[in-house]
Amino acid sequence: PEDKQKDALSAALQEPAAPPSANKIQETIRNLNKLIKKERKSFLEQRLSIEMDDRDAAQSMAVASEYLPRRLLFAARAGLADNITIAIQSGADIHAVDTRFNNWTSLHFAADKGHDKVV
C-alpha cells in the first residue's frame, strides 16, 4: 500500500503540463500529509525504542530514570497510546515537564496536538 501511494504521488507530480484540477491537488496534498504523518510516527517510534545492552542494573536504572520522562513526553506529542502506557507502567512521572517547552507536561503536548485518545 505504501509503494502504491508513493507511485500515485510520483505519477501525480509528473503529469503533463496541463494544470491539475483543484480536486487532484487536494487529493495529492491529503496523500502527502498521510505519508508524512506515517513517516513521522515511524521515526518517533524508532527514536523511542530503547535497547538495553549488558550494563549493570544500577547503570540501567539510572539511564531509565532519565529516559522515562522523555519517552512519555515524546509519546504524548506523537499520540502513541501504547508507548504512553508502557512509559507509565515503567514508572515515568506523569507530572514530568519539558523545560525546553515552557515546562509543558505530557498532557499539554497531547492536548496541543489534538490526540484525544491519549488525553
PDB file of N, CA and C in Angstrom:
ATOM      1  N   PRO A   1       0.816  -1.211   0.000  1.00  0.00           N
ATOM      2  CA  PRO A   1       0.000   0.000   0.000  1.00  0.00           C
ATOM      3  C   PRO A   1       0.857   1.272   0.000  1.00  0.00           C
ATOM      4  N   GLU A   2       1.942   1.254   0.761  1.00  0.00           N
ATOM      5  CA  GLU A   2       2.795   2.443   0.826  1.00  0.00           C
ATOM      6  C   GLU A   2       3.461   2.699  -0.526  1.00  0.00           C
ATOM      7  N   ASP A   3       3.909   1.617  -1.195  1.00  0.00           N
ATOM      8  CA  ASP A   3       4.521   1.774  -2.512  1.00  0.00           C
ATOM      9  C   ASP A   3       3.512   2.304  -3.518  1.00  0.00           C
ATOM     10  N   LYS A   4       2.251   1.849  -3.420  1.00  0.00           N
ATOM     11  CA  LYS A   4       1.210   2.342  -4.323  1.00  0.00           C
ATOM     12  C   LYS A   4       0.975   3.822  -4.100  1.00  0.00           C
ATOM     13  N   GLN A   5       0.999   4.254  -2.819  1.00  0.00           N
ATOM     14  CA  GLN A   5       0.819   5.681  -2.522  1.00  0.00           C
ATOM     15  C   GLN A   5       1.965   6.493  -3.122  1.00  0.00           C
ATOM     16  N   LYS A   6       3.188   5.991  -2.929  1.00  0.00           N
ATOM     17  CA  LYS A   6       4.349   6.711  -3.463  1.00  0.00           C
ATOM     18  C   LYS A   6       4.286   6.770  -4.995  1.00  0.00           C
ATOM     19  N   ASP A   7       3.897   5.642  -5.624  1.00  0.00           N
ATOM     20  CA  ASP A   7       3.777   5.615  -7.084  1.00  0.00           C
ATOM     21  C   ASP A   7       2.700   6.584  -7.568  1.00  0.00           C
ATOM     22  N   ALA A   8       1.578   6.603  -6.854  1.00  0.00           N
ATOM     23  CA  ALA A   8       0.484   7.506  -7.227  1.00  0.00           C
ATOM     24  C   ALA A   8       0.915   8.959  -7.074  1.00  0.00           C
ATOM     25  N   LEU A   9       1.658   9.239  -6.006  1.00  0.00           N
ATOM     26  CA  LEU A   9       2.143  10.607  -5.800  1.00  0.00           C
ATOM     27  C   LEU A   9       3.155  10.994  -6.874  1.00  0.00           C
ATOM     28  N   SER A  10       4.054  10.075  -7.193  1.00  0.00           N
ATOM     29  CA  SER A  10       5.039  10.349  -8.244  1.00  0.00           C
ATOM     30  C   SER A  10       4.348  10.607  -9.576  1.00  0.00           C
ATOM     31  N   ALA A  11       3.359   9.775  -9.883  1.00  0.00           N
ATOM     32  CA  ALA A  11       2.632   9.940 -11.137  1.00  0.00           C
ATOM     33  C   ALA A  11       1.889  11.269 -11.159  1.00  0.00           C
ATOM     34  N   ALA A  12       1.291  11.632 -10.031  1.00  0.00           N
ATOM     35  CA  ALA A  12       0.542  12.891  -9.956  1.00  0.00           C
ATOM     36  C   ALA A  12       1.463  14.084 -10.134  1.00  0.00           C
ATOM     37  N   LEU A  13       2.663  13.967  -9.600  1.00  0.00           N
ATOM     38  CA  LEU A  13       3.604  15.080  -9.699  1.00  0.00           C
ATOM     39  C   LEU A  13       4.270  15.171 -11.068  1.00  0.00           C
ATOM     40  N   GLN A  14       4.204  14.094 -11.858  1.00  0.00           N
ATOM     41  CA  GLN A  14       4.850  14.087 -13.158  1.00  0.00           C
ATOM     42  C   GLN A  14       3.846  14.078 -14.305  1.00  0.00           C
ATOM     43  N   GLU A  15       2.643  14.557 -14.061  1.00  0.00           N
ATOM     44  CA  GLU A  15       1.620  14.602 -15.100  1.00  0.00           C
ATOM     45  C   GLU A  15       2.005  15.644 -16.155  1.00  0.00           C
ATOM     46  N   PRO A  16       1.345  15.604 -17.323  1.00  0.00           N
ATOM     47  CA  PRO A  16       1.626  16.570 -18.389  1.00  0.00           C
ATOM     48  C   PRO A  16       1.450  18.016 -17.911  1.00  0.00           C
ATOM     49  N   ALA A  17       1.833  18.943 -18.741  1.00  0.00           N
ATOM     50  CA  ALA A  17       1.860  20.359 -18.395  1.00  0.00           C
ATOM     51  C   ALA A  17       0.488  20.972 -18.110  1.00  0.00           C
ATOM     52  N   ALA A  18      -0.580  20.298 -18.481  1.00  0.00           N
ATOM     53  CA  ALA A  18      -1.920  20.841 -18.227  1.00  0.00           C
ATOM     54  C   ALA A  18      -2.108  20.977 -16.714  1.00  0.00           C
ATOM     55  N   PRO A  19      -2.656  22.102 -16.285  1.00  0.00           N
ATOM     56  CA  PRO A  19      -2.808  22.293 -14.838  1.00  0.00           C
ATOM     57  C   PRO A  19      -3.783  21.278 -14.249  1.00  0.00           C
ATOM     58  N   PRO A  20      -3.427  20.705 -13.112  1.00  0.00           N
ATOM     59  CA  PRO A  20      -4.317  19.728 -12.491  1.00  0.00           C
ATOM     60  C   PRO A  20      -5.546  20.418 -11.894  1.00  0.00           C
ATOM     61  N   SER A  21      -6.580  19.666 -11.731  1.00  0.00           N
ATOM     62  CA  SER A  21      -7.803  20.219 -11.143  1.00  0.00           C
ATOM     63  C   SER A  21      -7.588  20.464  -9.649  1.00  0.00           C
ATOM     64  N   ALA A  22      -8.459  21.279  -9.081  1.00  0.00           N
ATOM     65  CA  ALA A  22      -8.371  21.576  -7.654  1.00  0.00           C
ATOM     66  C   ALA A  22      -8.547  20.293  -6.836  1.00  0.00           C
ATOM     67  N   ASN A  23      -9.432  19.412  -7.292  1.00  0.00           N
ATOM     68  CA  ASN A  23      -9.640  18.146  -6.588  1.00  0.00           C
ATOM     69  C   ASN A  23      -8.382  17.283  -6.604  1.00  0.00           C
ATOM     70  N   LYS A  24      -7.711  17.269  -7.745  1.00  0.00           N
ATOM     71  CA  LYS A  24      -6.482  16.475  -7.873  1.00  0.00           C
ATOM     72  C   LYS A  24      -5.404  17.036  -6.948  1.00  0.00           C
ATOM     73  N   ILE A  25      -5.306  18.340  -6.851  1.00  0.00           N
ATOM     74  CA  ILE A  25      -4.321  18.975  -5.969  1.00  0.00           C
ATOM     75  C   ILE A  25      -4.640  18.644  -4.518  1.00  0.00           C
ATOM     76  N   GLN A  26      -5.903  18.753  -4.139  1.00  0.00           N
ATOM     77  CA  GLN A  26      -6.299  18.449  -2.759  1.00  0.00           C
ATOM     78  C   GLN A  26      -6.042  16.985  -2.420  1.00  0.00           C
ATOM     79  N   GLU A  27      -6.322  16.093  -3.370  1.00  0.00           N
ATOM     80  CA  GLU A  27      -6.073  14.671  -3.150  1.00  0.00           C
ATOM     81  C   GLU A  27      -4.581  14.414  -2.964  1.00  0.00           C
ATOM     82  N   THR A  28      -3.750  15.048  -3.774  1.00  0.00           N
ATOM     83  CA  THR A  28      -2.309  14.892  -3.659  1.00  0.00           C
ATOM     84  C   THR A  28      -1.810  15.413  -2.312  1.00  0.00           C
ATOM     85  N   ILE A  29      -2.327  16.536  -1.878  1.00  0.00           N
ATOM     86  CA  ILE A  29      -1.941  17.104  -0.586  1.00  0.00           C
ATOM     87  C   ILE A  29      -2.356  16.175   0.551  1.00  0.00           C
ATOM     88  N   ARG A  30      -3.563  15.616   0.475  1.00  0.00           N
ATOM     89  CA  ARG A  30      -4.022  14.674   1.507  1.00  0.00           C
ATOM     90  C   ARG A  30      -3.112  13.449   1.558  1.00  0.00           C
ATOM     91  N   ASN A  31      -2.754  12.928   0.386  1.00  0.00           N
ATOM     92  CA  ASN A  31      -1.882  11.757   0.334  1.00  0.00           C
ATOM     93  C   ASN A  31      -0.494  12.071   0.893  1.00  0.00           C
ATOM     94  N   LEU A  32       0.016  13.242   0.571  1.00  0.00           N
ATOM     95  CA  LEU A  32       1.315  13.644   1.112  1.00  0.00           C
ATOM     96  C   LEU A  32       1.250  13.789   2.626  1.00  0.00           C
ATOM     97  N   ASN A  33       0.193  14.385   3.135  1.00  0.00           N
ATOM     98  CA  ASN A  33       0.038  14.541   4.583  1.00  0.00           C
ATOM     99  C   ASN A  33      -0.047  13.192   5.285  1.00  0.00           C
ATOM    100  N   LYS A  34      -0.765  12.241   4.688  1.00  0.00           N
ATOM    101  CA  LYS A  34      -0.854  10.898   5.265  1.00  0.00           C
ATOM    102  C   LYS A  34       0.519  10.246   5.304  1.00  0.00           C
ATOM    103  N   LEU A  35       1.257  10.373   4.213  1.00  0.00           N
ATOM    104  CA  LEU A  35       2.588   9.781   4.143  1.00  0.00           C
ATOM    105  C   LEU A  35       3.528  10.426   5.159  1.00  0.00           C
ATOM    106  N   ILE A  36       3.479  11.734   5.283  1.00  0.00           N
ATOM    107  CA  ILE A  36       4.319  12.452   6.243  1.00  0.00           C
ATOM    108  C   ILE A  36       3.980  12.019   7.663  1.00  0.00           C
ATOM    109  N   LYS A  37       2.699  11.924   7.966  1.00  0.00           N
ATOM    110  CA  LYS A  37       2.268  11.518   9.307  1.00  0.00           C
ATOM    111  C   LYS A  37       2.763  10.112   9.623  1.00  0.00           C
ATOM    112  N   LYS A  38       2.643   9.210   8.651  1.00  0.00           N
ATOM    113  CA  LYS A  38       3.082   7.836   8.854  1.00  0.00           C
ATOM    114  C   LYS A  38       4.592   7.771   9.067  1.00  0.00           C
ATOM    115  N   GLU A  39       5.348   8.516   8.253  1.00  0.00           N
ATOM    116  CA  GLU A  39       6.805   8.527   8.382  1.00  0.00           C
ATOM    117  C   GLU A  39       7.232   9.142   9.714  1.00  0.00           C
ATOM    118  N   ARG A  40       6.559  10.214  10.128  1.00  0.00           N
ATOM    119  CA  ARG A  40       6.887  10.870  11.399  1.00  0.00           C
ATOM    120  C   ARG A  40       6.621   9.918  12.560  1.00  0.00           C
ATOM    121  N   LYS A  41       5.496   9.211  12.510  1.00  0.00           N
ATOM    122  CA  LYS A  41       5.159   8.265  13.571  1.00  0.00           C
ATOM    123  C   LYS A  41       6.199   7.150  13.623  1.00  0.00           C
ATOM    124  N   SER A  42       6.584   6.637  12.473  1.00  0.00           N
ATOM    125  CA  SER A  42       7.593   5.577  12.408  1.00  0.00           C
ATOM    126  C   SER A  42       8.920   6.069  12.978  1.00  0.00           C
ATOM    127  N   PHE A  43       9.307   7.285  12.620  1.00  0.00           N
ATOM    128  CA  PHE A  43      10.557   7.860  13.120  1.00  0.00           C
ATOM    129  C   PHE A  43      10.524   7.981  14.635  1.00  0.00           C
ATOM    130  N   LEU A  44       9.413   8.487  15.179  1.00  0.00           N
ATOM    131  CA  LEU A  44       9.307   8.669  16.627  1.00  0.00           C
ATOM    132  C   LEU A  44       9.281   7.324  17.353  1.00  0.00           C
ATOM    133  N   GLU A  45       8.616   6.338  16.773  1.00  0.00           N
ATOM    134  CA  GLU A  45       8.598   5.020  17.395  1.00  0.00           C
ATOM    135  C   GLU A  45      10.006   4.436  17.457  1.00  0.00           C
ATOM    136  N   GLN A  46      10.784   4.609  16.384  1.00  0.00           N
ATOM    137  CA  GLN A  46      12.157   4.123  16.385  1.00  0.00           C
ATOM    138  C   GLN A  46      12.999   4.885  17.395  1.00  0.00           C
ATOM    139  N   ARG A  47      12.801   6.178  17.458  1.00  0.00           N
ATOM    140  CA  ARG A  47      13.575   7.004  18.382  1.00  0.00           C
ATOM    141  C   ARG A  47      13.247   6.666  19.829  1.00  0.00           C
ATOM    142  N   LEU A  48      11.996   6.281  20.082  1.00  0.00           N
ATOM    143  CA  LEU A  48      11.573   5.982  21.435  1.00  0.00           C
ATOM    144  C   LEU A  48      11.969   4.587  21.899  1.00  0.00           C
ATOM    145  N   SER A  49      12.268   3.709  20.967  1.00  0.00           N
ATOM    146  CA  SER A  49      12.609   2.344  21.380  1.00  0.00           C
ATOM    147  C   SER A  49      13.934   2.364  22.130  1.00  0.00           C
ATOM    148  N   ILE A  50      14.018   1.560  23.128  1.00  0.00           N
ATOM    149  CA  ILE A  50      15.232   1.526  23.949  1.00  0.00           C
ATOM    150  C   ILE A  50      15.813   0.126  23.883  1.00  0.00           C
ATOM    151  N   GLU A  51      17.092   0.063  23.668  1.00  0.00           N
ATOM    152  CA  GLU A  51      17.768  -1.219  23.632  1.00  0.00           C
ATOM    153  C   GLU A  51      18.745  -1.254  24.797  1.00  0.00           C
ATOM    154  N   MET A  52      18.555  -2.200  25.653  1.00  0.00           N
ATOM    155  CA  MET A  52      19.423  -2.325  26.813  1.00  0.00           C
ATOM    156  C   MET A  52      20.541  -3.305  26.468  1.00  0.00           C
ATOM    157  N   ASP A  53      21.752  -2.910  26.722  1.00  0.00           N
ATOM    158  CA  ASP A  53      22.871  -3.813  26.477  1.00  0.00           C
ATOM    159  C   ASP A  53      23.259  -4.481  27.793  1.00  0.00           C
ATOM    160  N   ASP A  54      24.492  -4.837  27.956  1.00  0.00           N
ATOM    161  CA  ASP A  54      24.929  -5.591  29.128  1.00  0.00           C
ATOM    162  C   ASP A  54      25.334  -4.694  30.299  1.00  0.00           C
ATOM    163  N   ARG A  55      24.711  -3.533  30.437  1.00  0.00           N
ATOM    164  CA  ARG A  55      25.029  -2.654  31.561  1.00  0.00           C
ATOM    165  C   ARG A  55      24.607  -3.325  32.868  1.00  0.00           C
ATOM    166  N   ASP A  56      25.285  -2.927  33.952  1.00  0.00           N
ATOM    167  CA  ASP A  56      24.857  -3.475  35.240  1.00  0.00           C
ATOM    168  C   ASP A  56      23.528  -2.838  35.651  1.00  0.00           C
ATOM    169  N   ALA A  57      22.850  -3.412  36.600  1.00  0.00           N
ATOM    170  CA  ALA A  57      21.492  -2.995  36.964  1.00  0.00           C
ATOM    171  C   ALA A  57      21.442  -1.547  37.436  1.00  0.00           C
ATOM    172  N   ALA A  58      22.424  -1.108  38.202  1.00  0.00           N
ATOM    173  CA  ALA A  58      22.407   0.269  38.720  1.00  0.00           C
ATOM    174  C   ALA A  58      22.493   1.276  37.582  1.00  0.00           C
ATOM    175  N   GLN A  59      23.373   1.016  36.633  1.00  0.00           N
ATOM    176  CA  GLN A  59      23.518   1.930  35.494  1.00  0.00           C
ATOM    177  C   GLN A  59      22.250   1.908  34.645  1.00  0.00           C
ATOM    178  N   SER A  60      21.651   0.749  34.477  1.00  0.00           N
ATOM    179  CA  SER A  60      20.421   0.640  33.704  1.00  0.00           C
ATOM    180  C   SER A  60      19.302   1.442  34.352  1.00  0.00           C
ATOM    181  N   MET A  61      19.199   1.376  35.666  1.00  0.00           N
ATOM    182  CA  MET A  61      18.166   2.129  36.376  1.00  0.00           C
ATOM    183  C   MET A  61      18.399   3.627  36.231  1.00  0.00           C
ATOM    184  N   ALA A  62      19.662   4.068  36.277  1.00  0.00           N
ATOM    185  CA  ALA A  62      19.966   5.493  36.123  1.00  0.00           C
ATOM    186  C   ALA A  62      19.573   5.977  34.732  1.00  0.00           C
ATOM    187  N   VAL A  63      19.881   5.174  33.729  1.00  0.00           N
ATOM    188  CA  VAL A  63      19.517   5.527  32.357  1.00  0.00           C
ATOM    189  C   VAL A  63      18.005   5.574  32.217  1.00  0.00           C
ATOM    190  N   ALA A  64      17.313   4.567  32.777  1.00  0.00           N
ATOM    191  CA  ALA A  64      15.860   4.506  32.681  1.00  0.00           C
ATOM    192  C   ALA A  64      15.208   5.700  33.369  1.00  0.00           C
ATOM    193  N   SER A  65      15.739   6.102  34.515  1.00  0.00           N
ATOM    194  CA  SER A  65      15.119   7.219  35.238  1.00  0.00           C
ATOM    195  C   SER A  65      15.261   8.526  34.472  1.00  0.00           C
ATOM    196  N   GLU A  66      16.331   8.668  33.689  1.00  0.00           N
ATOM    197  CA  GLU A  66      16.485   9.865  32.850  1.00  0.00           C
ATOM    198  C   GLU A  66      15.648   9.757  31.581  1.00  0.00           C
ATOM    199  N   TYR A  67      15.481   8.541  31.089  1.00  0.00           N
ATOM    200  CA  TYR A  67      14.845   8.318  29.798  1.00  0.00           C
ATOM    201  C   TYR A  67      13.320   8.314  29.872  1.00  0.00           C
ATOM    202  N   LEU A  68      12.752   7.764  30.942  1.00  0.00           N
ATOM    203  CA  LEU A  68      11.298   7.597  31.024  1.00  0.00           C
ATOM    204  C   LEU A  68      10.515   8.894  30.857  1.00  0.00           C
ATOM    205  N   PRO A  69      10.889   9.996  31.532  1.00  0.00           N
ATOM    206  CA  PRO A  69      10.112  11.226  31.307  1.00  0.00           C
ATOM    207  C   PRO A  69      10.141  11.679  29.850  1.00  0.00           C
ATOM    208  N   ARG A  70      11.314  11.579  29.205  1.00  0.00           N
ATOM    209  CA  ARG A  70      11.412  11.961  27.796  1.00  0.00           C
ATOM    210  C   ARG A  70      10.556  11.056  26.938  1.00  0.00           C
ATOM    211  N   ARG A  71      10.561   9.770  27.238  1.00  0.00           N
ATOM    212  CA  ARG A  71       9.767   8.822  26.453  1.00  0.00           C
ATOM    213  C   ARG A  71       8.287   9.174  26.551  1.00  0.00           C
ATOM    214  N   LEU A  72       7.844   9.490  27.756  1.00  0.00           N
ATOM    215  CA  LEU A  72       6.451   9.849  27.961  1.00  0.00           C
ATOM    216  C   LEU A  72       6.107  11.131  27.206  1.00  0.00           C
ATOM    217  N   LEU A  73       6.977  12.122  27.277  1.00  0.00           N
ATOM    218  CA  LEU A  73       6.719  13.397  26.592  1.00  0.00           C
ATOM    219  C   LEU A  73       6.675  13.219  25.071  1.00  0.00           C
ATOM    220  N   PHE A  74       7.631  12.464  24.522  1.00  0.00           N
ATOM    221  CA  PHE A  74       7.645  12.227  23.074  1.00  0.00           C
ATOM    222  C   PHE A  74       6.419  11.430  22.642  1.00  0.00           C
ATOM    223  N   ALA A  75       6.064  10.403  23.417  1.00  0.00           N
ATOM    224  CA  ALA A  75       4.910   9.576  23.067  1.00  0.00           C
ATOM    225  C   ALA A  75       3.626  10.398  23.103  1.00  0.00           C
ATOM    226  N   ALA A  76       3.504  11.277  24.092  1.00  0.00           N
ATOM    227  CA  ALA A  76       2.313  12.127  24.178  1.00  0.00           C
ATOM    228  C   ALA A  76       2.249  13.076  22.995  1.00  0.00           C
ATOM    229  N   ARG A  77       3.384  13.647  22.632  1.00  0.00           N
ATOM    230  CA  ARG A  77       3.444  14.572  21.498  1.00  0.00           C
ATOM    231  C   ARG A  77       3.045  13.866  20.205  1.00  0.00           C
ATOM    232  N   ALA A  78       3.427  12.585  20.074  1.00  0.00           N
ATOM    233  CA  ALA A  78       3.140  11.830  18.849  1.00  0.00           C
ATOM    234  C   ALA A  78       1.795  11.111  18.905  1.00  0.00           C
ATOM    235  N   GLY A  79       1.162  11.073  20.083  1.00  0.00           N
ATOM    236  CA  GLY A  79      -0.125  10.392  20.207  1.00  0.00           C
ATOM    237  C   GLY A  79      -0.012   8.884  20.221  1.00  0.00           C
ATOM    238  N   LEU A  80       1.097   8.364  20.720  1.00  0.00           N
ATOM    239  CA  LEU A  80       1.351   6.919  20.732  1.00  0.00           C
ATOM    240  C   LEU A  80       0.882   6.324  22.059  1.00  0.00           C
ATOM    241  N   ALA A  81      -0.380   5.930  22.101  1.00  0.00           N
ATOM    242  CA  ALA A  81      -1.006   5.457  23.338  1.00  0.00           C
ATOM    243  C   ALA A  81      -0.270   4.265  23.947  1.00  0.00           C
ATOM    244  N   ASP A  82       0.158   3.320  23.123  1.00  0.00           N
ATOM    245  CA  ASP A  82       0.862   2.141  23.643  1.00  0.00           C
ATOM    246  C   ASP A  82       2.155   2.542  24.340  1.00  0.00           C
ATOM    247  N   ASN A  83       2.905   3.460  23.738  1.00  0.00           N
ATOM    248  CA  ASN A  83       4.167   3.897  24.332  1.00  0.00           C
ATOM    249  C   ASN A  83       3.924   4.673  25.624  1.00  0.00           C
ATOM    250  N   ILE A  84       2.840   5.433  25.670  1.00  0.00           N
ATOM    251  CA  ILE A  84       2.493   6.161  26.889  1.00  0.00           C
ATOM    252  C   ILE A  84       2.202   5.168  28.007  1.00  0.00           C
ATOM    253  N   THR A  85       1.423   4.144  27.705  1.00  0.00           N
ATOM    254  CA  THR A  85       1.094   3.123  28.695  1.00  0.00           C
ATOM    255  C   THR A  85       2.351   2.441  29.219  1.00  0.00           C
ATOM    256  N   ILE A  86       3.244   2.068  28.313  1.00  0.00           N
ATOM    257  CA  ILE A  86       4.487   1.399  28.712  1.00  0.00           C
ATOM    258  C   ILE A  86       5.329   2.320  29.594  1.00  0.00           C
ATOM    259  N   ALA A  87       5.450   3.585  29.211  1.00  0.00           N
ATOM    260  CA  ALA A  87       6.249   4.521  29.995  1.00  0.00           C
ATOM    261  C   ALA A  87       5.678   4.687  31.395  1.00  0.00           C
ATOM    262  N   ILE A  88       4.372   4.820  31.499  1.00  0.00           N
ATOM    263  CA  ILE A  88       3.739   4.994  32.816  1.00  0.00           C
ATOM    264  C   ILE A  88       3.894   3.722  33.649  1.00  0.00           C
ATOM    265  N   GLN A  89       3.678   2.567  33.041  1.00  0.00           N
ATOM    266  CA  GLN A  89       3.836   1.303  33.767  1.00  0.00           C
ATOM    267  C   GLN A  89       5.285   1.070  34.191  1.00  0.00           C
ATOM    268  N   SER A  90       6.221   1.663  33.457  1.00  0.00           N
ATOM    269  CA  SER A  90       7.637   1.527  33.789  1.00  0.00           C
ATOM    270  C   SER A  90       8.069   2.523  34.857  1.00  0.00           C
ATOM    271  N   GLY A  91       7.158   3.400  35.253  1.00  0.00           N
ATOM    272  CA  GLY A  91       7.464   4.321  36.338  1.00  0.00           C
ATOM    273  C   GLY A  91       7.691   5.760  35.927  1.00  0.00           C
ATOM    274  N   ALA A  92       7.342   6.135  34.718  1.00  0.00           N
ATOM    275  CA  ALA A  92       7.513   7.519  34.280  1.00  0.00           C
ATOM    276  C   ALA A  92       6.603   8.434  35.097  1.00  0.00           C
ATOM    277  N   ASP A  93       7.131   9.581  35.462  1.00  0.00           N
ATOM    278  CA  ASP A  93       6.376  10.568  36.228  1.00  0.00           C
ATOM    279  C   ASP A  93       5.446  11.316  35.281  1.00  0.00           C
ATOM    280  N   ILE A  94       4.134  11.189  35.496  1.00  0.00           N
ATOM    281  CA  ILE A  94       3.184  11.841  34.595  1.00  0.00           C
ATOM    282  C   ILE A  94       3.197  13.359  34.758  1.00  0.00           C
ATOM    283  N   HIS A  95       3.845  13.835  35.809  1.00  0.00           N
ATOM    284  CA  HIS A  95       3.937  15.277  36.041  1.00  0.00           C
ATOM    285  C   HIS A  95       5.275  15.849  35.581  1.00  0.00           C
ATOM    286  N   ALA A  96       6.103  15.015  34.946  1.00  0.00           N
ATOM    287  CA  ALA A  96       7.392  15.485  34.456  1.00  0.00           C
ATOM    288  C   ALA A  96       7.173  16.577  33.414  1.00  0.00           C
ATOM    289  N   VAL A  97       8.074  17.570  33.393  1.00  0.00           N
ATOM    290  CA  VAL A  97       7.933  18.694  32.474  1.00  0.00           C
ATOM    291  C   VAL A  97       9.107  18.746  31.513  1.00  0.00           C
ATOM    292  N   ASP A  98       8.859  19.337  30.375  1.00  0.00           N
ATOM    293  CA  ASP A  98       9.911  19.583  29.389  1.00  0.00           C
ATOM    294  C   ASP A  98      10.294  21.053  29.517  1.00  0.00           C
ATOM    295  N   THR A  99      11.457  21.306  30.069  1.00  0.00           N
ATOM    296  CA  THR A  99      11.884  22.684  30.331  1.00  0.00           C
ATOM    297  C   THR A  99      12.147  23.455  29.041  1.00  0.00           C
ATOM    298  N   ARG A 100      12.324  22.752  27.941  1.00  0.00           N
ATOM    299  CA  ARG A 100      12.552  23.429  26.659  1.00  0.00           C
ATOM    300  C   ARG A 100      11.262  23.991  26.087  1.00  0.00           C
ATOM    301  N   PHE A 101      10.111  23.525  26.579  1.00  0.00           N
ATOM    302  CA  PHE A 101       8.814  23.954  26.065  1.00  0.00           C
ATOM    303  C   PHE A 101       7.942  24.507  27.191  1.00  0.00           C
ATOM    304  N   ASN A 102       8.400  25.562  27.829  1.00  0.00           N
ATOM    305  CA  ASN A 102       7.616  26.263  28.862  1.00  0.00           C
ATOM    306  C   ASN A 102       7.093  25.346  29.957  1.00  0.00           C
ATOM    307  N   ASN A 103       7.883  24.333  30.303  1.00  0.00           N
ATOM    308  CA  ASN A 103       7.514  23.387  31.368  1.00  0.00           C
ATOM    309  C   ASN A 103       6.205  22.652  31.097  1.00  0.00           C
ATOM    310  N   TRP A 104       5.995  22.305  29.845  1.00  0.00           N
ATOM    311  CA  TRP A 104       4.803  21.541  29.481  1.00  0.00           C
ATOM    312  C   TRP A 104       4.934  20.103  29.965  1.00  0.00           C
ATOM    313  N   THR A 105       3.806  19.522  30.348  1.00  0.00           N
ATOM    314  CA  THR A 105       3.746  18.104  30.697  1.00  0.00           C
ATOM    315  C   THR A 105       3.289  17.308  29.477  1.00  0.00           C
ATOM    316  N   SER A 106       3.254  15.996  29.643  1.00  0.00           N
ATOM    317  CA  SER A 106       2.789  15.146  28.534  1.00  0.00           C
ATOM    318  C   SER A 106       1.340  15.470  28.173  1.00  0.00           C
ATOM    319  N   LEU A 107       0.536  15.838  29.154  1.00  0.00           N
ATOM    320  CA  LEU A 107      -0.856  16.211  28.888  1.00  0.00           C
ATOM    321  C   LEU A 107      -0.939  17.446  27.996  1.00  0.00           C
ATOM    322  N   HIS A 108      -0.072  18.433  28.245  1.00  0.00           N
ATOM    323  CA  HIS A 108      -0.042  19.635  27.403  1.00  0.00           C
ATOM    324  C   HIS A 108       0.244  19.265  25.944  1.00  0.00           C
ATOM    325  N   PHE A 109       1.271  18.424  25.750  1.00  0.00           N
ATOM    326  CA  PHE A 109       1.665  18.059  24.383  1.00  0.00           C
ATOM    327  C   PHE A 109       0.547  17.298  23.665  1.00  0.00           C
ATOM    328  N   ALA A 110      -0.049  16.329  24.353  1.00  0.00           N
ATOM    329  CA  ALA A 110      -1.114  15.532  23.728  1.00  0.00           C
ATOM    330  C   ALA A 110      -2.307  16.415  23.371  1.00  0.00           C
ATOM    331  N   ALA A 111      -2.676  17.306  24.278  1.00  0.00           N
ATOM    332  CA  ALA A 111      -3.818  18.192  24.022  1.00  0.00           C
ATOM    333  C   ALA A 111      -3.503  19.167  22.889  1.00  0.00           C
ATOM    334  N   ASP A 112      -2.288  19.711  22.878  1.00  0.00           N
ATOM    335  CA  ASP A 112      -1.898  20.670  21.852  1.00  0.00           C
ATOM    336  C   ASP A 112      -1.926  20.049  20.459  1.00  0.00           C
ATOM    337  N   LYS A 113      -1.555  18.784  20.365  1.00  0.00           N
ATOM    338  CA  LYS A 113      -1.521  18.100  19.069  1.00  0.00           C
ATOM    339  C   LYS A 113      -2.865  17.462  18.716  1.00  0.00           C
ATOM    340  N   GLY A 114      -3.861  17.581  19.609  1.00  0.00           N
ATOM    341  CA  GLY A 114      -5.195  17.059  19.312  1.00  0.00           C
ATOM    342  C   GLY A 114      -5.309  15.544  19.432  1.00  0.00           C
ATOM    343  N   HIS A 115      -4.486  14.937  20.258  1.00  0.00           N
ATOM    344  CA  HIS A 115      -4.536  13.482  20.437  1.00  0.00           C
ATOM    345  C   HIS A 115      -5.552  13.137  21.525  1.00  0.00           C
ATOM    346  N   ASP A 116      -6.823  13.128  21.139  1.00  0.00           N
ATOM    347  CA  ASP A 116      -7.907  12.894  22.091  1.00  0.00           C
ATOM    348  C   ASP A 116      -7.801  11.556  22.799  1.00  0.00           C
ATOM    349  N   LYS A 117      -7.329  10.529  22.096  1.00  0.00           N
ATOM    350  CA  LYS A 117      -7.260   9.190  22.681  1.00  0.00           C
ATOM    351  C   LYS A 117      -6.318   9.129  23.877  1.00  0.00           C
ATOM    352  N   VAL A 118      -5.267   9.931  23.864  1.00  0.00           N
ATOM    353  CA  VAL A 118      -4.282   9.848  24.938  1.00  0.00           C
ATOM    354  C   VAL A 118      -4.486  10.900  26.016  1.00  0.00           C
ATOM    355  N   VAL A 119      -5.366  11.873  25.751  1.00  0.00           N
ATOM    356  CA  VAL A 119      -5.639  12.900  26.754  1.00  0.00           C
ATOM    357  C   VAL A 119      -6.535  12.295  27.809  1.00  0.00           C
TER     358      VAL A 119
END
